């Protein structure tokens, strides 16, 4: 009787594994392209729950697409899911830190258009195609026209930082649109101008792009605020808030170094030099 019970347990375990594999089996297989037009870059840290759907939509954005998954210290098998779907997987045993995966993916990308997504946000391919078309029309960087919740008594610090940086860059029309948020797209020309390293600090990359004369615009808004899974611990605030605020300060410091202590803005009628 004991042997029978053990066999039944083993049988149930095998059936459970098969069900799990069917659940994560890819619906599509990304075709290999020698010369992709679009490179979709997806940094991933344990995104098994959503990654297959993210890749599935990404692969449908353009007929000649490569999907690059940067496995940023994942331990849940996310890298194997991506690989089974035909994505190029760049593996790192230890987490690289926030946004470093964008630089790594951009350095490996072969396409003339680079689309940046997150592994935990499933965005329909139909909503991503307008971003690609804008670059095909000659734009260098296309941002998500999402400014965050602003109709509040107390606006989030990160939202304020995004608006403030765009105003300082003389682009108040961008409102809170930012390379900090996904999705966003950059042309090969834009990448060569600002360099892949800058992508690790998105507000800095945005400041460099606008300061260097790249054509920066927006595409129809995708409400990533509803999609974003904020990782908090109990009552503790979003752990990325301070990091993103610091990134914006770094962008401001860079701009002041390039354009003077007023960021390139005039002092109007002030004649400070007359004052001893």
Foldseek 3Di string as FASTA:
>chain_A
DVVVVVVVVVVVVVVVVVVVCVVLQAPAAQDDDPAAAEEEFEEDAALSPQQSLQVVQQSPLDVRYAYEYEDQLHDNCSQVSCVNRHHHYHYDNHGPDAQVSQLVSVVVDRHQKYKYDYRQFRDHSVQVNVQVVVVVVPAFKAWALDLDDDPDPDDAPLSVLQCVLCVLLVNNVSRNTWLVDDTMMGGNVLCVQQDSVQSSLGLLSVLSCSVVPGGYYYDYHDPCVVRDDQDDDPPDDRPCSVVNSVSSVVNVVVQCVVCNPSSVDDPPPDDVVVPD
